[in-house]
C-alpha atoms as a PDB file:
ATOM      1  CA  UNK A   1       0.000   0.000   0.000  1.00  0.00           C
ATOM      2  CA  UNK A   2       3.035   2.172   0.131  1.00  0.00           C
ATOM      3  CA  UNK A   3       2.713   3.085  -3.444  1.00  0.00           C
ATOM      4  CA  UNK A   4      -0.699   4.556  -2.773  1.00  0.00           C
ATOM      5  CA  UNK A   5       0.487   6.897   0.042  1.00  0.00           C
ATOM      6  CA  UNK A   6       1.143   9.810  -2.287  1.00  0.00           C
ATOM      7  CA  UNK A   7      -1.682  12.128  -2.938  1.00  0.00           C
ATOM      8  CA  UNK A   8      -2.509  11.949  -6.556  1.00  0.00           C
ATOM      9  CA  UNK A   9      -4.352  15.255  -6.420  1.00  0.00           C
ATOM     10  CA  UNK A  10      -1.432  17.281  -4.939  1.00  0.00           C
ATOM     11  CA  UNK A  11       1.145  19.203  -7.040  1.00  0.00           C
ATOM     12  CA  UNK A  12       3.597  16.844  -8.663  1.00  0.00           C
ATOM     13  CA  UNK A  13       7.111  16.768  -7.195  1.00  0.00           C
ATOM     14  CA  UNK A  14       9.435  18.118  -9.856  1.00  0.00           C
ATOM     15  CA  UNK A  15      13.077  17.151  -9.452  1.00  0.00           C
ATOM     16  CA  UNK A  16      15.564  20.034  -9.140  1.00  0.00           C
ATOM     17  CA  UNK A  17      17.852  19.941 -12.275  1.00  0.00           C
ATOM     18  CA  UNK A  18      20.674  21.736 -10.409  1.00  0.00           C
ATOM     19  CA  UNK A  19      20.697  18.996  -7.837  1.00  0.00           C
ATOM     20  CA  UNK A  20      22.290  16.690 -10.380  1.00  0.00           C
ATOM     21  CA  UNK A  21      25.964  15.975  -9.371  1.00  0.00           C
ATOM     22  CA  UNK A  22      27.270  16.426 -12.934  1.00  0.00           C
ATOM     23  CA  UNK A  23      25.637  19.827 -13.231  1.00  0.00           C
ATOM     24  CA  UNK A  24      27.029  20.890  -9.871  1.00  0.00           C
ATOM     25  CA  UNK A  25      30.579  19.854 -10.910  1.00  0.00           C
ATOM     26  CA  UNK A  26      30.395  21.943 -14.084  1.00  0.00           C
ATOM     27  CA  UNK A  27      29.067  24.881 -12.104  1.00  0.00           C
ATOM     28  CA  UNK A  28      31.926  24.672  -9.607  1.00  0.00           C
ATOM     29  CA  UNK A  29      34.563  24.599 -12.387  1.00  0.00           C
ATOM     30  CA  UNK A  30      32.928  27.577 -14.075  1.00  0.00           C
ATOM     31  CA  UNK A  31      32.979  29.551 -10.846  1.00  0.00           C
ATOM     32  CA  UNK A  32      36.675  28.791 -10.334  1.00  0.00           C
ATOM     33  CA  UNK A  33      37.523  29.962 -13.858  1.00  0.00           C
ATOM     34  CA  UNK A  34      35.510  33.118 -13.396  1.00  0.00           C
ATOM     35  CA  UNK A  35      37.237  33.784 -10.111  1.00  0.00           C
ATOM     36  CA  UNK A  36      40.640  33.330 -11.820  1.00  0.00           C
ATOM     37  CA  UNK A  37      39.735  35.824 -14.521  1.00  0.00           C
ATOM     38  CA  UNK A  38      38.622  38.307 -11.930  1.00  0.00           C
ATOM     39  CA  UNK A  39      41.981  38.040 -10.130  1.00  0.00           C
ATOM     40  CA  UNK A  40      44.109  38.224 -13.367  1.00  0.00           C
ATOM     41  CA  UNK A  41      46.206  41.404 -13.806  1.00  0.00           C
ATOM     42  CA  UNK A  42      47.405  41.726 -17.454  1.00  0.00           C
ATOM     43  CA  UNK A  43      50.063  44.316 -16.602  1.00  0.00           C
ATOM     44  CA  UNK A  44      51.684  42.218 -13.915  1.00  0.00           C
ATOM     45  CA  UNK A  45      53.184  39.723 -16.384  1.00  0.00           C
ATOM     46  CA  UNK A  46      54.326  42.478 -18.757  1.00  0.00           C
ATOM     47  CA  UNK A  47      56.240  44.197 -15.954  1.00  0.00           C
ATOM     48  CA  UNK A  48      57.905  40.944 -14.968  1.00  0.00           C
ATOM     49  CA  UNK A  49      58.846  40.273 -18.599  1.00  0.00           C
ATOM     50  CA  UNK A  50      60.307  43.759 -18.954  1.00  0.00           C
ATOM     51  CA  UNK A  51      62.398  43.208 -15.840  1.00  0.00           C
ATOM     52  CA  UNK A  52      63.544  39.761 -16.968  1.00  0.00           C
ATOM     53  CA  UNK A  53      64.587  40.656 -20.536  1.00  0.00           C
ATOM     54  CA  UNK A  54      66.697  43.797 -21.129  1.00  0.00           C
ATOM     55  CA  UNK A  55      65.746  46.125 -23.941  1.00  0.00           C
ATOM     56  CA  UNK A  56      67.482  45.443 -27.283  1.00  0.00           C
ATOM     57  CA  UNK A  57      68.565  48.172 -29.630  1.00  0.00           C
ATOM     58  CA  UNK A  58      67.295  47.826 -33.200  1.00  0.00           C
ATOM     59  CA  UNK A  59      70.059  46.607 -35.530  1.00  0.00           C
ATOM     60  CA  UNK A  60      68.433  47.755 -38.759  1.00  0.00           C
ATOM     61  CA  UNK A  61      66.370  50.793 -39.630  1.00  0.00           C
ATOM     62  CA  UNK A  62      62.706  50.366 -40.173  1.00  0.00           C
ATOM     63  CA  UNK A  63      61.969  49.600 -43.789  1.00  0.00           C
ATOM     64  CA  UNK A  64      58.556  49.994 -45.301  1.00  0.00           C
ATOM     65  CA  UNK A  65      57.710  46.861 -47.220  1.00  0.00           C
ATOM     66  CA  UNK A  66      56.251  47.368 -50.621  1.00  0.00           C
ATOM     67  CA  UNK A  67      52.922  45.813 -51.389  1.00  0.00           C
ATOM     68  CA  UNK A  68      52.587  43.944 -54.647  1.00  0.00           C
ATOM     69  CA  UNK A  69      49.915  45.039 -57.132  1.00  0.00           C
ATOM     70  CA  UNK A  70      46.510  43.423 -56.703  1.00  0.00           C
ATOM     71  CA  UNK A  71      45.918  40.150 -58.416  1.00  0.00           C
ATOM     72  CA  UNK A  72      43.037  39.344 -60.714  1.00  0.00           C
ATOM     73  CA  UNK A  73      40.751  38.647 -57.742  1.00  0.00           C
ATOM     74  CA  UNK A  74      41.550  41.986 -56.117  1.00  0.00           C
ATOM     75  CA  UNK A  75      43.744  40.481 -53.375  1.00  0.00           C
ATOM     76  CA  UNK A  76      47.020  42.080 -52.392  1.00  0.00           C
ATOM     77  CA  UNK A  77      50.101  39.974 -51.805  1.00  0.00           C
ATOM     78  CA  UNK A  78      52.877  40.938 -49.451  1.00  0.00           C
ATOM     79  CA  UNK A  79      56.467  40.125 -50.456  1.00  0.00           C
ATOM     80  CA  UNK A  80      58.682  37.875 -48.460  1.00  0.00           C
ATOM     81  CA  UNK A  81      60.626  39.870 -45.835  1.00  0.00           C
ATOM     82  CA  UNK A  82      63.813  37.921 -46.654  1.00  0.00           C
ATOM     83  CA  UNK A  83      63.527  38.954 -50.303  1.00  0.00           C
ATOM     84  CA  UNK A  84      62.533  42.564 -49.700  1.00  0.00           C
ATOM     85  CA  UNK A  85      65.197  43.292 -47.120  1.00  0.00           C
ATOM     86  CA  UNK A  86      68.733  43.496 -48.500  1.00  0.00           C
ATOM     87  CA  UNK A  87      72.018  43.875 -46.673  1.00  0.00           C
ATOM     88  CA  UNK A  88      72.660  47.359 -45.407  1.00  0.00           C
ATOM     89  CA  UNK A  89      74.906  49.311 -47.746  1.00  0.00           C
ATOM     90  CA  UNK A  90      77.011  51.611 -45.669  1.00  0.00           C
ATOM     91  CA  UNK A  91      79.556  53.220 -48.025  1.00  0.00           C
ATOM     92  CA  UNK A  92      82.025  55.613 -46.546  1.00  0.00           C
ATOM     93  CA  UNK A  93      84.596  57.919 -48.059  1.00  0.00           C
ATOM     94  CA  UNK A  94      87.321  55.374 -47.329  1.00  0.00           C
ATOM     95  CA  UNK A  95      85.486  52.721 -49.352  1.00  0.00           C
ATOM     96  CA  UNK A  96      85.115  55.019 -52.343  1.00  0.00           C
ATOM     97  CA  UNK A  97      88.770  56.003 -52.074  1.00  0.00           C
ATOM     98  CA  UNK A  98      89.802  52.352 -51.993  1.00  0.00           C
ATOM     99  CA  UNK A  99      87.757  51.549 -55.077  1.00  0.00           C
ATOM    100  CA  UNK A 100      89.181  54.553 -56.879  1.00  0.00           C
ATOM    101  CA  UNK A 101      92.714  53.359 -56.138  1.00  0.00           C
ATOM    102  CA  UNK A 102      91.879  49.869 -57.438  1.00  0.00           C
ATOM    103  CA  UNK A 103      90.515  51.313 -60.674  1.00  0.00           C
ATOM    104  CA  UNK A 104      93.623  53.444 -61.109  1.00  0.00           C
ATOM    105  CA  UNK A 105      95.874  50.423 -60.592  1.00  0.00           C
ATOM    106  CA  UNK A 106      93.920  48.437 -63.168  1.00  0.00           C
ATOM    107  CA  UNK A 107      94.144  51.301 -65.653  1.00  0.00           C
ATOM    108  CA  UNK A 108      97.910  51.525 -65.148  1.00  0.00           C
ATOM    109  CA  UNK A 109      98.239  47.757 -65.629  1.00  0.00           C
ATOM    110  CA  UNK A 110      96.275  47.869 -68.875  1.00  0.00           C
ATOM    111  CA  UNK A 111      98.351  50.784 -70.145  1.00  0.00           C
ATOM    112  CA  UNK A 112     101.559  48.936 -69.282  1.00  0.00           C
ATOM    113  CA  UNK A 113     100.440  45.781 -71.098  1.00  0.00           C
ATOM    114  CA  UNK A 114      99.392  47.769 -74.135  1.00  0.00           C
ATOM    115  CA  UNK A 115     102.782  49.485 -74.213  1.00  0.00           C
ATOM    116  CA  UNK A 116     104.531  46.113 -73.939  1.00  0.00           C
ATOM    117  CA  UNK A 117     102.492  44.685 -76.793  1.00  0.00           C
ATOM    118  CA  UNK A 118     103.148  47.739 -78.927  1.00  0.00           C
ATOM    119  CA  UNK A 119     106.860  47.617 -78.168  1.00  0.00           C
ATOM    120  CA  UNK A 120     106.941  43.880 -78.829  1.00  0.00           C
ATOM    121  CA  UNK A 121     105.259  44.231 -82.212  1.00  0.00           C
ATOM    122  CA  UNK A 122     107.522  47.105 -83.170  1.00  0.00           C
ATOM    123  CA  UNK A 123     110.683  45.408 -81.951  1.00  0.00           C
ATOM    124  CA  UNK A 124     110.134  41.940 -83.381  1.00  0.00           C
ATOM    125  CA  UNK A 125     113.317  40.302 -84.489  1.00  0.00           C
ATOM    126  CA  UNK A 126     113.666  38.993 -88.020  1.00  0.00           C
ATOM    127  CA  UNK A 127     113.306  35.231 -88.208  1.00  0.00           C
ATOM    128  CA  UNK A 128     113.559  34.449 -91.926  1.00  0.00           C
ATOM    129  CA  UNK A 129     115.547  32.827 -93.374  1.00  0.00           C
ATOM    130  CA  UNK A 130     116.101  30.653 -90.297  1.00  0.00           C
ATOM    131  CA  UNK A 131     119.875  30.787 -90.156  1.00  0.00           C
ATOM    132  CA  UNK A 132     121.976  29.493 -87.248  1.00  0.00           C
ATOM    133  CA  UNK A 133     123.318  31.966 -84.708  1.00  0.00           C
ATOM    134  CA  UNK A 134     126.963  31.448 -85.685  1.00  0.00           C
ATOM    135  CA  UNK A 135     126.237  32.364 -89.307  1.00  0.00           C
ATOM    136  CA  UNK A 136     127.553  35.849 -90.189  1.00  0.00           C
ATOM    137  CA  UNK A 137     124.437  36.494 -92.291  1.00  0.00           C
ATOM    138  CA  UNK A 138     121.430  37.239 -90.107  1.00  0.00           C
ATOM    139  CA  UNK A 139     117.721  36.838 -90.993  1.00  0.00           C
ATOM    140  CA  UNK A 140     116.351  39.602 -93.187  1.00  0.00           C
ATOM    141  CA  UNK A 141     112.574  39.348 -92.710  1.00  0.00           C
ATOM    142  CA  UNK A 142     110.025  38.672 -90.033  1.00  0.00           C
ATOM    143  CA  UNK A 143     107.454  36.063 -90.997  1.00  0.00           C
ATOM    144  CA  UNK A 144     104.768  34.478 -88.859  1.00  0.00           C
ATOM    145  CA  UNK A 145     101.625  33.521 -90.727  1.00  0.00           C
ATOM    146  CA  UNK A 146      99.727  32.673 -87.545  1.00  0.00           C
ATOM    147  CA  UNK A 147     100.347  36.162 -86.149  1.00  0.00           C
ATOM    148  CA  UNK A 148     100.393  38.480 -89.172  1.00  0.00           C
ATOM    149  CA  UNK A 149      97.791  36.971 -91.485  1.00  0.00           C
ATOM    150  CA  UNK A 150      94.042  36.940 -90.722  1.00  0.00           C
ATOM    151  CA  UNK A 151      92.606  33.530 -90.071  1.00  0.00           C
ATOM    152  CA  UNK A 152      90.559  33.334 -93.279  1.00  0.00           C
ATOM    153  CA  UNK A 153      93.677  33.997 -95.442  1.00  0.00           C
ATOM    154  CA  UNK A 154      96.243  31.852 -93.637  1.00  0.00           C
ATOM    155  CA  UNK A 155      95.598  28.798 -95.792  1.00  0.00           C
ATOM    156  CA  UNK A 156      96.134  30.570 -99.127  1.00  0.00           C
ATOM    157  CA  UNK A 157      99.281  32.274 -97.812  1.00  0.00           C
ATOM    158  CA  UNK A 158     100.678  28.913 -96.714  1.00  0.00           C
ATOM    159  CA  UNK A 159      99.929  27.495-100.147  1.00  0.00           C
ATOM    160  CA  UNK A 160     101.812  30.377-101.758  1.00  0.00           C
ATOM    161  CA  UNK A 161     104.744  29.839 -99.425  1.00  0.00           C
ATOM    162  CA  UNK A 162     104.791  26.137-100.250  1.00  0.00           C
ATOM    163  CA  UNK A 163     104.609  27.033-103.943  1.00  0.00           C
ATOM    164  CA  UNK A 164     107.690  29.221-103.598  1.00  0.00           C
ATOM    165  CA  UNK A 165     109.466  26.352-101.849  1.00  0.00           C
ATOM    166  CA  UNK A 166     108.417  24.006-104.658  1.00  0.00           C
ATOM    167  CA  UNK A 167     109.843  26.395-107.252  1.00  0.00           C
ATOM    168  CA  UNK A 168     113.119  26.442-105.334  1.00  0.00           C
ATOM    169  CA  UNK A 169     113.127  22.638-105.210  1.00  0.00           C
ATOM    170  CA  UNK A 170     112.550  22.363-108.960  1.00  0.00           C
ATOM    171  CA  UNK A 171     115.410  24.792-109.623  1.00  0.00           C
ATOM    172  CA  UNK A 172     117.643  22.659-107.388  1.00  0.00           C
ATOM    173  CA  UNK A 173     116.592  19.546-109.331  1.00  0.00           C
ATOM    174  CA  UNK A 174     117.402  21.426-112.518  1.00  0.00           C
ATOM    175  CA  UNK A 175     120.991  21.703-111.301  1.00  0.00           C
ATOM    176  CA  UNK A 176     121.066  17.928-110.771  1.00  0.00           C
ATOM    177  CA  UNK A 177     119.655  17.420-114.251  1.00  0.00           C
ATOM    178  CA  UNK A 178     122.347  19.663-115.731  1.00  0.00           C
ATOM    179  CA  UNK A 179     124.973  17.677-113.859  1.00  0.00           C
ATOM    180  CA  UNK A 180     123.528  14.426-115.267  1.00  0.00           C
ATOM    181  CA  UNK A 181     123.710  15.866-118.772  1.00  0.00           C
ATOM    182  CA  UNK A 182     127.288  16.920-118.115  1.00  0.00           C
ATOM    183  CA  UNK A 183     128.182  13.352-117.114  1.00  0.00           C
ATOM    184  CA  UNK A 184     126.382  12.069-120.225  1.00  0.00           C
ATOM    185  CA  UNK A 185     128.725  14.035-122.457  1.00  0.00           C
ATOM    186  CA  UNK A 186     126.705  17.203-122.977  1.00  0.00           C
ATOM    187  CA  UNK A 187     128.216  20.657-122.780  1.00  0.00           C
ATOM    188  CA  UNK A 188     128.496  22.781-119.646  1.00  0.00           C
ATOM    189  CA  UNK A 189     125.803  25.288-120.677  1.00  0.00           C
ATOM    190  CA  UNK A 190     122.808  23.671-118.998  1.00  0.00           C
ATOM    191  CA  UNK A 191     124.651  23.017-115.747  1.00  0.00           C
ATOM    192  CA  UNK A 192     126.106  26.529-115.488  1.00  0.00           C
ATOM    193  CA  UNK A 193     122.839  28.304-116.303  1.00  0.00           C
ATOM    194  CA  UNK A 194     120.964  26.032-113.898  1.00  0.00           C
ATOM    195  CA  UNK A 195     123.211  27.213-111.059  1.00  0.00           C
ATOM    196  CA  UNK A 196     122.675  30.832-112.101  1.00  0.00           C
ATOM    197  CA  UNK A 197     118.892  30.384-112.208  1.00  0.00           C
ATOM    198  CA  UNK A 198     118.855  28.877-108.744  1.00  0.00           C
ATOM    199  CA  UNK A 199     121.013  31.642-107.257  1.00  0.00           C
ATOM    200  CA  UNK A 200     119.012  34.474-108.857  1.00  0.00           C
ATOM    201  CA  UNK A 201     115.426  33.262-109.122  1.00  0.00           C
ATOM    202  CA  UNK A 202     115.114  31.765-105.643  1.00  0.00           C
ATOM    203  CA  UNK A 203     115.679  34.977-103.625  1.00  0.00           C
ATOM    204  CA  UNK A 204     114.171  37.252-106.269  1.00  0.00           C
ATOM    205  CA  UNK A 205     110.941  35.265-106.390  1.00  0.00           C
ATOM    206  CA  UNK A 206     110.672  35.445-102.623  1.00  0.00           C
ATOM    207  CA  UNK A 207     111.228  39.202-102.564  1.00  0.00           C
ATOM    208  CA  UNK A 208     109.368  40.150-105.730  1.00  0.00           C
ATOM    209  CA  UNK A 209     106.138  38.150-105.514  1.00  0.00           C
ATOM    210  CA  UNK A 210     105.898  36.235-102.234  1.00  0.00           C
ATOM    211  CA  UNK A 211     106.638  39.136 -99.899  1.00  0.00           C
ATOM    212  CA  UNK A 212     104.183  41.456-101.688  1.00  0.00           C
ATOM    213  CA  UNK A 213     101.364  38.926-101.440  1.00  0.00           C
ATOM    214  CA  UNK A 214     102.272  38.293 -97.793  1.00  0.00           C
ATOM    215  CA  UNK A 215     102.034  42.011 -97.037  1.00  0.00           C
ATOM    216  CA  UNK A 216      98.883  42.307 -99.148  1.00  0.00           C
ATOM    217  CA  UNK A 217      97.021  39.773 -97.024  1.00  0.00           C
ATOM    218  CA  UNK A 218      98.563  41.126 -93.837  1.00  0.00           C
ATOM    219  CA  UNK A 219      97.456  44.739 -94.292  1.00  0.00           C
ATOM    220  CA  UNK A 220      94.841  44.455 -97.094  1.00  0.00           C
ATOM    221  CA  UNK A 221      97.046  46.440 -99.468  1.00  0.00           C
ATOM    222  CA  UNK A 222      95.800  46.876-103.033  1.00  0.00           C
ATOM    223  CA  UNK A 223      99.211  48.099-104.146  1.00  0.00           C
ATOM    224  CA  UNK A 224     100.906  44.892-103.000  1.00  0.00           C
ATOM    225  CA  UNK A 225      98.234  42.861-104.757  1.00  0.00           C
ATOM    226  CA  UNK A 226      99.035  44.696-107.986  1.00  0.00           C
ATOM    227  CA  UNK A 227     102.754  44.072-107.546  1.00  0.00           C
ATOM    228  CA  UNK A 228     102.094  40.384-106.967  1.00  0.00           C
ATOM    229  CA  UNK A 229      99.944  40.019-110.095  1.00  0.00           C
ATOM    230  CA  UNK A 230     102.489  41.840-112.238  1.00  0.00           C
ATOM    231  CA  UNK A 231     105.549  39.899-111.042  1.00  0.00           C
ATOM    232  CA  UNK A 232     103.800  36.553-110.808  1.00  0.00           C
ATOM    233  CA  UNK A 233     102.831  36.700-114.485  1.00  0.00           C
ATOM    234  CA  UNK A 234     106.545  36.857-115.312  1.00  0.00           C
ATOM    235  CA  UNK A 235     107.073  33.914-112.955  1.00  0.00           C
ATOM    236  CA  UNK A 236     104.545  31.862-114.926  1.00  0.00           C
ATOM    237  CA  UNK A 237     106.111  32.826-118.261  1.00  0.00           C
ATOM    238  CA  UNK A 238     109.634  31.948-117.087  1.00  0.00           C
ATOM    239  CA  UNK A 239     108.475  28.587-115.718  1.00  0.00           C
ATOM    240  CA  UNK A 240     106.656  27.843-118.978  1.00  0.00           C
ATOM    241  CA  UNK A 241     109.827  28.523-120.987  1.00  0.00           C
ATOM    242  CA  UNK A 242     111.850  26.352-118.629  1.00  0.00           C
ATOM    243  CA  UNK A 243     109.370  23.487-118.951  1.00  0.00           C
ATOM    244  CA  UNK A 244     109.731  23.568-122.738  1.00  0.00           C
ATOM    245  CA  UNK A 245     113.517  23.305-122.454  1.00  0.00           C
ATOM    246  CA  UNK A 246     114.828  25.125-125.499  1.00  0.00           C
ATOM    247  CA  UNK A 247     118.323  24.196-126.590  1.00  0.00           C
ATOM    248  CA  UNK A 248     120.872  26.316-124.757  1.00  0.00           C
ATOM    249  CA  UNK A 249     118.200  27.713-122.419  1.00  0.00           C
ATOM    250  CA  UNK A 250     119.762  26.245-119.316  1.00  0.00           C
ATOM    251  CA  UNK A 251     116.740  24.191-118.212  1.00  0.00           C
ATOM    252  CA  UNK A 252     115.946  20.478-118.320  1.00  0.00           C
ATOM    253  CA  UNK A 253     112.633  20.859-120.111  1.00  0.00           C
ATOM    254  CA  UNK A 254     110.765  18.590-122.480  1.00  0.00           C
ATOM    255  CA  UNK A 255     113.022  19.143-125.508  1.00  0.00           C
ATOM    256  CA  UNK A 256     116.169  18.678-123.443  1.00  0.00           C
ATOM    257  CA  UNK A 257     114.876  15.470-121.822  1.00  0.00           C
ATOM    258  CA  UNK A 258     113.933  13.964-125.206  1.00  0.00           C
ATOM    259  CA  UNK A 259     117.449  14.644-126.486  1.00  0.00           C
ATOM    260  CA  UNK A 260     118.947  13.217-123.275  1.00  0.00           C
ATOM    261  CA  UNK A 261     117.251   9.847-123.842  1.00  0.00           C
ATOM    262  CA  UNK A 262     119.187   9.530-127.080  1.00  0.00           C
ATOM    263  CA  UNK A 263     122.466   9.904-125.216  1.00  0.00           C
ATOM    264  CA  UNK A 264     121.802   8.273-121.826  1.00  0.00           C
ATOM    265  CA  UNK A 265     118.698   6.719-120.330  1.00  0.00           C
ATOM    266  CA  UNK A 266     119.705   7.745-116.811  1.00  0.00           C
ATOM    267  CA  UNK A 267     120.180  11.375-117.808  1.00  0.00           C
ATOM    268  CA  UNK A 268     116.889  11.210-119.694  1.00  0.00           C
ATOM    269  CA  UNK A 269     115.010   9.973-116.612  1.00  0.00           C
ATOM    270  CA  UNK A 270     116.510  12.702-114.414  1.00  0.00           C
ATOM    271  CA  UNK A 271     115.686  15.455-116.893  1.00  0.00           C
ATOM    272  CA  UNK A 272     112.161  14.054-117.349  1.00  0.00           C
ATOM    273  CA  UNK A 273     111.582  14.327-113.596  1.00  0.00           C
ATOM    274  CA  UNK A 274     112.698  17.962-113.774  1.00  0.00           C
ATOM    275  CA  UNK A 275     110.310  18.554-116.677  1.00  0.00           C
ATOM    276  CA  UNK A 276     107.411  17.113-114.681  1.00  0.00           C
ATOM    277  CA  UNK A 277     108.369  19.453-111.822  1.00  0.00           C
ATOM    278  CA  UNK A 278     108.245  22.509-114.102  1.00  0.00           C
ATOM    279  CA  UNK A 279     104.832  21.492-115.502  1.00  0.00           C
ATOM    280  CA  UNK A 280     103.454  20.895-112.002  1.00  0.00           C
ATOM    281  CA  UNK A 281     104.710  24.318-110.931  1.00  0.00           C
ATOM    282  CA  UNK A 282     102.924  25.954-113.879  1.00  0.00           C
ATOM    283  CA  UNK A 283      99.621  24.272-112.994  1.00  0.00           C
ATOM    284  CA  UNK A 284      99.950  25.316-109.350  1.00  0.00           C
ATOM    285  CA  UNK A 285     100.835  28.879-110.407  1.00  0.00           C
ATOM    286  CA  UNK A 286      97.711  29.224-112.537  1.00  0.00           C
ATOM    287  CA  UNK A 287      95.437  27.764-109.866  1.00  0.00           C
ATOM    288  CA  UNK A 288      96.769  29.956-107.071  1.00  0.00           C
ATOM    289  CA  UNK A 289      96.827  33.190-109.039  1.00  0.00           C
ATOM    290  CA  UNK A 290      93.194  32.577-110.015  1.00  0.00           C
ATOM    291  CA  UNK A 291      92.275  31.994-106.386  1.00  0.00           C
ATOM    292  CA  UNK A 292      94.139  35.094-105.230  1.00  0.00           C
ATOM    293  CA  UNK A 293      92.410  37.137-107.923  1.00  0.00           C
ATOM    294  CA  UNK A 294      88.993  35.976-106.691  1.00  0.00           C
ATOM    295  CA  UNK A 295      89.891  36.963-103.148  1.00  0.00           C
ATOM    296  CA  UNK A 296      91.233  40.292-104.389  1.00  0.00           C
ATOM    297  CA  UNK A 297      87.994  41.079-106.222  1.00  0.00           C
ATOM    298  CA  UNK A 298      85.866  40.072-103.238  1.00  0.00           C
ATOM    299  CA  UNK A 299      87.676  42.500-100.922  1.00  0.00           C
ATOM    300  CA  UNK A 300      86.582  45.531-102.946  1.00  0.00           C
ATOM    301  CA  UNK A 301      90.114  46.500-103.987  1.00  0.00           C
ATOM    302  CA  UNK A 302      90.679  48.475-107.183  1.00  0.00           C
ATOM    303  CA  UNK A 303      93.350  50.209-109.215  1.00  0.00           C
ATOM    304  CA  UNK A 304      92.364  53.602-107.786  1.00  0.00           C
ATOM    305  CA  UNK A 305      92.905  52.301-104.264  1.00  0.00           C
ATOM    306  CA  UNK A 306      96.285  50.901-105.274  1.00  0.00           C
ATOM    307  CA  UNK A 307      97.311  54.263-106.750  1.00  0.00           C
ATOM    308  CA  UNK A 308      96.213  56.069-103.590  1.00  0.00           C
ATOM    309  CA  UNK A 309      98.218  53.656-101.431  1.00  0.00           C
ATOM    310  CA  UNK A 310     101.248  54.063-103.669  1.00  0.00           C
ATOM    311  CA  UNK A 311     101.055  57.860-103.409  1.00  0.00           C
ATOM    312  CA  UNK A 312     100.669  57.700 -99.640  1.00  0.00           C
ATOM    313  CA  UNK A 313     103.603  55.327 -99.230  1.00  0.00           C
ATOM    314  CA  UNK A 314     105.790  57.479-101.468  1.00  0.00           C
ATOM    315  CA  UNK A 315     104.955  60.613 -99.521  1.00  0.00           C
ATOM    316  CA  UNK A 316     105.640  58.920 -96.190  1.00  0.00           C
ATOM    317  CA  UNK A 317     108.958  57.483 -97.317  1.00  0.00           C
ATOM    318  CA  UNK A 318     111.829  59.072 -95.424  1.00  0.00           C
ATOM    319  CA  UNK A 319     114.237  58.921 -98.359  1.00  0.00           C
ATOM    320  CA  UNK A 320     111.687  60.468-100.706  1.00  0.00           C
ATOM    321  CA  UNK A 321     111.030  63.275 -98.237  1.00  0.00           C
ATOM    322  CA  UNK A 322     114.755  63.933 -97.880  1.00  0.00           C
ATOM    323  CA  UNK A 323     115.269  63.953-101.647  1.00  0.00           C
ATOM    324  CA  UNK A 324     112.293  66.281-102.159  1.00  0.00           C
ATOM    325  CA  UNK A 325     113.564  68.667 -99.483  1.00  0.00           C
ATOM    326  CA  UNK A 326     117.025  68.708-101.031  1.00  0.00           C
ATOM    327  CA  UNK A 327     115.604  69.337-104.501  1.00  0.00           C
ATOM    328  CA  UNK A 328     113.380  72.152-103.236  1.00  0.00           C
ATOM    329  CA  UNK A 329     116.281  73.768-101.367  1.00  0.00           C
ATOM    330  CA  UNK A 330     118.511  73.530-104.445  1.00  0.00           C
ATOM    331  CA  UNK A 331     115.799  75.123-106.601  1.00  0.00           C
ATOM    332  CA  UNK A 332     115.335  78.001-104.150  1.00  0.00           C
ATOM    333  CA  UNK A 333     119.083  78.591-103.924  1.00  0.00           C
ATOM    334  CA  UNK A 334     119.351  78.615-107.706  1.00  0.00           C
ATOM    335  CA  UNK A 335     116.569  81.193-107.993  1.00  0.00           C
ATOM    336  CA  UNK A 336     118.195  83.386-105.341  1.00  0.00           C
ATOM    337  CA  UNK A 337     121.544  83.155-107.108  1.00  0.00           C
ATOM    338  CA  UNK A 338     119.955  84.138-110.422  1.00  0.00           C
ATOM    339  CA  UNK A 339     118.161  87.057-108.785  1.00  0.00           C
ATOM    340  CA  UNK A 340     121.378  88.347-107.224  1.00  0.00           C
ATOM    341  CA  UNK A 341     123.157  88.050-110.557  1.00  0.00           C
ATOM    342  CA  UNK A 342     120.743  90.452-112.209  1.00  0.00           C
END
């Protein structure tokens, strides 16, 4: 009957929600947190931090960071501080003075090297012909194709130099051919003239046509080109005559070698080799002069330019200037003497 003791008609007994232990625990923790916030002094910690850490002086001046232009969406981007901040540039008068001294030293070094190069080019010793030091005759010319001649013309100049050497070799073989004819019972004419040709034509060909073409390619001289063409035509004509081998001409040409076979086969073979050398030299002469002429025309050279160079060289020649001064002084003295006479 205990369950019927409550009055069903009285107000119902409603449980107190705050009487729940879980709710009371949360309420107590909330009160403690609120009490801690009420007791918190924000300036107390700042004062302690200021006392604990000494003030630091700024090492770099304040730099305003640039803001990048807005992107397509209208948002601004800020650059990276490590990229925007560079090392401080503190230049003093001593730094500028030091740099000025370094520049002056470099300028002096460059001027000294330029003077050495200029003096070296002006004072180059002659190296051709390559004679030994004990020889009383010293070299007469300076020749260095790798230094003097431009790169695009070095090959043709070497070919011309080798051609001159080949001409000298053929003239030396001509002496041997004349000696073979002399042993075969021929007269002394071919042998003697062969020696004379070798002694005269070898140096003259070097001076008269090889050196001009060397200087023409070295300094792009139209005058030297003209000299080369003029002299080299005579070189071709002389070689052609020598290859024919007229009787009494002093060369072991075709006619001479045919006659030598009638006397001696050995002498005929030697003279035939010399004839082949002369013919080969003629072919090489024609090929190289044609190639040089093509190069000459492609450089824009002309006869007028050659005449202008010739006039300039004549006027700058020391001997010509001395002779002109002497002639002018003699003419003036003669006029003064004639005036005093009357």
